[in-house]
Amino acid sequence: MARENPKDKIIRLENELKKANEIIQKLYSELEECKNEPKIQQIKNERGAGRKQEITDQEREDIRRHRVEGKTIKEIATLFNRSVGIIHKIINEK
């Protein structure tokens, strides 16, 4: 078996490295997709432990909309019959 030319070996190894890096990037993107899937979060609490959500997503959107319209946090709290603290928390969460 003939020895590989050093230049050819460098080129071959660079190509292998490039392919390995592409695979790594693909795996990282798949990992991020898996982290963002609701199934993963659902499995984390599969037996239903913890408090149930009192305020629906629609109510959260309505609360944010009222704030954008210029209503005060206290007015929104009175409107939704919730505490000022929970309204403030909903408005400031991302």
N, C-alpha and C. Protein backbone atom coordinates (compact mmCIF):
# COMPACT_ATOMS: atom_id res chain seq x y z
N MET A 1 0.84 -1.18 0.00
CA MET A 1 0.00 0.00 0.00
C MET A 1 0.89 1.24 0.00
N ALA A 2 0.63 2.16 -0.89
CA ALA A 2 1.44 3.37 -1.03
C ALA A 2 1.08 4.37 0.06
N ARG A 3 2.07 5.10 0.47
CA ARG A 3 1.84 6.14 1.48
C ARG A 3 1.11 7.32 0.85
N GLU A 4 0.28 7.94 1.66
CA GLU A 4 -0.50 9.08 1.18
C GLU A 4 0.37 10.33 1.16
N ASN A 5 0.25 11.08 0.12
CA ASN A 5 0.96 12.34 -0.02
C ASN A 5 0.49 13.29 1.10
N PRO A 6 1.39 14.00 1.78
CA PRO A 6 0.99 14.89 2.88
C PRO A 6 -0.05 15.93 2.46
N LYS A 7 0.07 16.49 1.25
CA LYS A 7 -0.91 17.47 0.78
C LYS A 7 -2.29 16.82 0.64
N ASP A 8 -2.31 15.63 0.07
CA ASP A 8 -3.57 14.92 -0.11
C ASP A 8 -4.19 14.57 1.24
N LYS A 9 -3.33 14.21 2.19
CA LYS A 9 -3.82 13.86 3.52
C LYS A 9 -4.45 15.09 4.19
N ILE A 10 -3.81 16.24 4.05
CA ILE A 10 -4.33 17.48 4.63
C ILE A 10 -5.69 17.81 4.02
N ILE A 11 -5.78 17.70 2.70
CA ILE A 11 -7.05 17.99 2.01
C ILE A 11 -8.14 17.03 2.47
N ARG A 12 -7.80 15.75 2.56
CA ARG A 12 -8.77 14.74 2.99
C ARG A 12 -9.25 15.02 4.41
N LEU A 13 -8.31 15.33 5.30
CA LEU A 13 -8.68 15.60 6.69
C LEU A 13 -9.51 16.88 6.82
N GLU A 14 -9.18 17.90 6.02
CA GLU A 14 -9.98 19.13 6.04
C GLU A 14 -11.41 18.86 5.59
N ASN A 15 -11.56 18.02 4.58
CA ASN A 15 -12.91 17.67 4.10
C ASN A 15 -13.68 16.89 5.17
N GLU A 16 -13.00 15.97 5.84
CA GLU A 16 -13.64 15.22 6.92
C GLU A 16 -14.07 16.14 8.05
N LEU A 17 -13.21 17.10 8.38
CA LEU A 17 -13.52 18.07 9.43
C LEU A 17 -14.73 18.92 9.04
N LYS A 18 -14.76 19.35 7.79
CA LYS A 18 -15.87 20.16 7.31
C LYS A 18 -17.19 19.39 7.41
N LYS A 19 -17.17 18.12 7.01
CA LYS A 19 -18.37 17.29 7.09
C LYS A 19 -18.80 17.09 8.54
N ALA A 20 -17.83 16.88 9.42
CA ALA A 20 -18.14 16.68 10.84
C ALA A 20 -18.76 17.95 11.43
N ASN A 21 -18.24 19.11 11.07
CA ASN A 21 -18.79 20.37 11.56
C ASN A 21 -20.21 20.60 11.06
N GLU A 22 -20.49 20.20 9.82
CA GLU A 22 -21.85 20.32 9.28
C GLU A 22 -22.81 19.43 10.06
N ILE A 23 -22.36 18.23 10.39
CA ILE A 23 -23.20 17.31 11.16
C ILE A 23 -23.46 17.88 12.56
N ILE A 24 -22.43 18.45 13.17
CA ILE A 24 -22.59 19.04 14.50
C ILE A 24 -23.60 20.17 14.46
N GLN A 25 -23.51 21.05 13.46
CA GLN A 25 -24.46 22.16 13.34
C GLN A 25 -25.89 21.66 13.15
N LYS A 26 -26.03 20.61 12.35
CA LYS A 26 -27.36 20.04 12.12
C LYS A 26 -27.92 19.48 13.43
N LEU A 27 -27.09 18.81 14.20
CA LEU A 27 -27.54 18.25 15.48
C LEU A 27 -27.90 19.35 16.48
N TYR A 28 -27.13 20.45 16.49
CA TYR A 28 -27.47 21.57 17.37
C TYR A 28 -28.83 22.15 17.00
N SER A 29 -29.09 22.30 15.70
CA SER A 29 -30.39 22.86 15.30
C SER A 29 -31.53 21.91 15.66
N GLU A 30 -31.32 20.61 15.51
CA GLU A 30 -32.34 19.65 15.91
C GLU A 30 -32.58 19.69 17.41
N LEU A 31 -31.52 19.86 18.18
CA LEU A 31 -31.65 19.96 19.63
C LEU A 31 -32.48 21.17 20.03
N GLU A 32 -32.23 22.31 19.38
CA GLU A 32 -33.00 23.52 19.67
C GLU A 32 -34.47 23.33 19.33
N GLU A 33 -34.75 22.66 18.22
CA GLU A 33 -36.13 22.39 17.84
C GLU A 33 -36.81 21.51 18.89
N CYS A 34 -36.10 20.52 19.37
CA CYS A 34 -36.66 19.62 20.39
C CYS A 34 -36.94 20.36 21.69
N LYS A 35 -36.07 21.28 22.05
CA LYS A 35 -36.27 22.03 23.29
C LYS A 35 -37.52 22.89 23.21
N ASN A 36 -37.84 23.38 22.01
CA ASN A 36 -38.98 24.27 21.84
C ASN A 36 -40.30 23.55 21.62
N GLU A 37 -40.27 22.25 21.47
CA GLU A 37 -41.50 21.50 21.24
C GLU A 37 -42.31 21.40 22.53
N PRO A 38 -43.62 21.59 22.44
CA PRO A 38 -44.47 21.48 23.63
C PRO A 38 -44.48 20.08 24.22
N LYS A 39 -44.21 19.06 23.41
CA LYS A 39 -44.22 17.69 23.91
C LYS A 39 -43.19 17.51 25.01
N ILE A 40 -42.03 18.11 24.85
CA ILE A 40 -40.97 17.98 25.84
C ILE A 40 -41.43 18.59 27.16
N GLN A 41 -42.05 19.75 27.10
CA GLN A 41 -42.51 20.39 28.31
C GLN A 41 -43.65 19.60 28.93
N GLN A 42 -44.48 18.98 28.11
CA GLN A 42 -45.59 18.19 28.62
C GLN A 42 -45.08 16.94 29.34
N ILE A 43 -44.09 16.29 28.80
CA ILE A 43 -43.53 15.09 29.41
C ILE A 43 -42.90 15.43 30.76
N LYS A 44 -42.34 16.62 30.87
CA LYS A 44 -41.70 17.03 32.10
C LYS A 44 -42.68 16.98 33.28
N ASN A 45 -43.96 17.23 33.00
CA ASN A 45 -44.98 17.22 34.04
C ASN A 45 -46.08 16.24 33.66
N GLU A 46 -45.70 15.02 33.36
CA GLU A 46 -46.66 14.06 32.83
C GLU A 46 -47.72 13.63 33.83
N ARG A 47 -47.46 13.73 35.11
CA ARG A 47 -48.48 13.31 36.08
C ARG A 47 -49.37 14.46 36.53
N GLY A 48 -49.16 15.63 35.96
CA GLY A 48 -50.05 16.76 36.23
C GLY A 48 -49.79 17.46 37.55
N ALA A 49 -48.57 17.39 38.05
CA ALA A 49 -48.26 18.05 39.31
C ALA A 49 -48.21 19.56 39.12
N GLY A 50 -48.44 20.27 40.19
CA GLY A 50 -48.35 21.72 40.16
C GLY A 50 -49.70 22.38 39.94
N ARG A 51 -49.68 23.70 40.03
CA ARG A 51 -50.92 24.45 39.86
C ARG A 51 -51.34 24.50 38.40
N LYS A 52 -52.63 24.54 38.21
CA LYS A 52 -53.17 24.72 36.87
C LYS A 52 -53.19 26.22 36.57
N GLN A 53 -53.12 26.55 35.31
CA GLN A 53 -53.08 27.94 34.89
C GLN A 53 -54.46 28.57 35.10
N GLU A 54 -54.51 29.65 35.87
CA GLU A 54 -55.79 30.30 36.15
C GLU A 54 -56.20 31.25 35.03
N ILE A 55 -55.23 31.87 34.41
CA ILE A 55 -55.52 32.87 33.39
C ILE A 55 -55.20 32.26 32.03
N THR A 56 -56.18 32.28 31.15
CA THR A 56 -55.98 31.69 29.82
C THR A 56 -55.09 32.58 28.96
N ASP A 57 -54.60 32.01 27.88
CA ASP A 57 -53.76 32.77 26.96
C ASP A 57 -54.53 33.93 26.35
N GLN A 58 -55.81 33.72 26.10
CA GLN A 58 -56.65 34.79 25.53
C GLN A 58 -56.76 35.95 26.52
N GLU A 59 -56.94 35.64 27.80
CA GLU A 59 -57.00 36.70 28.81
C GLU A 59 -55.68 37.45 28.89
N ARG A 60 -54.58 36.72 28.78
CA ARG A 60 -53.27 37.37 28.81
C ARG A 60 -53.12 38.36 27.65
N GLU A 61 -53.56 37.94 26.46
CA GLU A 61 -53.50 38.83 25.30
C GLU A 61 -54.39 40.05 25.52
N ASP A 62 -55.58 39.84 26.08
CA ASP A 62 -56.50 40.95 26.34
C ASP A 62 -55.89 41.93 27.35
N ILE A 63 -55.24 41.40 28.38
CA ILE A 63 -54.60 42.26 29.38
C ILE A 63 -53.52 43.11 28.73
N ARG A 64 -52.69 42.49 27.91
CA ARG A 64 -51.63 43.25 27.22
C ARG A 64 -52.22 44.30 26.27
N ARG A 65 -53.31 43.94 25.60
CA ARG A 65 -53.94 44.86 24.66
C ARG A 65 -54.48 46.09 25.41
N HIS A 66 -55.13 45.86 26.56
CA HIS A 66 -55.64 46.98 27.36
C HIS A 66 -54.50 47.89 27.80
N ARG A 67 -53.36 47.30 28.14
CA ARG A 67 -52.22 48.12 28.58
C ARG A 67 -51.70 48.96 27.43
N VAL A 68 -51.64 48.38 26.23
CA VAL A 68 -51.18 49.13 25.06
C VAL A 68 -52.15 50.26 24.74
N GLU A 69 -53.43 50.03 25.01
CA GLU A 69 -54.44 51.06 24.77
C GLU A 69 -54.34 52.20 25.77
N GLY A 70 -53.54 52.03 26.82
CA GLY A 70 -53.28 53.12 27.75
C GLY A 70 -53.96 53.00 29.10
N LYS A 71 -54.62 51.90 29.37
CA LYS A 71 -55.25 51.73 30.68
C LYS A 71 -54.19 51.47 31.74
N THR A 72 -54.48 51.90 32.96
CA THR A 72 -53.54 51.67 34.05
C THR A 72 -53.65 50.22 34.51
N ILE A 73 -52.62 49.79 35.22
CA ILE A 73 -52.60 48.42 35.72
C ILE A 73 -53.75 48.21 36.71
N LYS A 74 -54.03 49.22 37.51
CA LYS A 74 -55.13 49.10 38.47
C LYS A 74 -56.48 48.97 37.76
N GLU A 75 -56.68 49.73 36.69
CA GLU A 75 -57.93 49.62 35.93
C GLU A 75 -58.08 48.23 35.31
N ILE A 76 -56.99 47.71 34.78
CA ILE A 76 -57.02 46.37 34.18
C ILE A 76 -57.30 45.32 35.25
N ALA A 77 -56.68 45.48 36.42
CA ALA A 77 -56.89 44.54 37.52
C ALA A 77 -58.36 44.52 37.94
N THR A 78 -58.97 45.69 38.02
CA THR A 78 -60.38 45.78 38.37
C THR A 78 -61.25 45.14 37.28
N LEU A 79 -60.91 45.41 36.04
CA LEU A 79 -61.67 44.88 34.90
C LEU A 79 -61.67 43.35 34.87
N PHE A 80 -60.52 42.75 35.17
CA PHE A 80 -60.39 41.29 35.11
C PHE A 80 -60.58 40.63 36.48
N ASN A 81 -60.83 41.43 37.51
CA ASN A 81 -61.01 40.92 38.87
C ASN A 81 -59.78 40.12 39.32
N ARG A 82 -58.62 40.68 39.10
CA ARG A 82 -57.34 40.06 39.48
C ARG A 82 -56.54 41.08 40.30
N SER A 83 -55.48 40.59 40.93
CA SER A 83 -54.64 41.49 41.71
C SER A 83 -53.76 42.33 40.79
N VAL A 84 -53.34 43.47 41.31
CA VAL A 84 -52.44 44.35 40.56
C VAL A 84 -51.13 43.62 40.28
N GLY A 85 -50.68 42.81 41.23
CA GLY A 85 -49.41 42.09 41.06
C GLY A 85 -49.44 41.11 39.90
N ILE A 86 -50.52 40.35 39.76
CA ILE A 86 -50.59 39.37 38.68
C ILE A 86 -50.71 40.07 37.33
N ILE A 87 -51.42 41.19 37.29
CA ILE A 87 -51.53 41.95 36.04
C ILE A 87 -50.16 42.49 35.65
N HIS A 88 -49.44 43.01 36.62
CA HIS A 88 -48.10 43.53 36.36
C HIS A 88 -47.19 42.41 35.85
N LYS A 89 -47.28 41.25 36.45
CA LYS A 89 -46.46 40.11 36.03
C LYS A 89 -46.77 39.70 34.59
N ILE A 90 -48.04 39.65 34.25
CA ILE A 90 -48.45 39.25 32.89
C ILE A 90 -47.96 40.27 31.87
N ILE A 91 -48.08 41.54 32.19
CA ILE A 91 -47.66 42.58 31.25
C ILE A 91 -46.16 42.52 31.02
N ASN A 92 -45.39 42.22 32.04
CA ASN A 92 -43.93 42.25 31.92
C ASN A 92 -43.30 40.94 31.48
N GLU A 93 -44.06 39.85 31.40
CA GLU A 93 -43.44 38.61 30.96
C GLU A 93 -43.28 38.63 29.45
N LYS A 94 -42.27 37.90 28.98
CA LYS A 94 -41.93 37.94 27.56
C LYS A 94 -42.68 36.90 26.79
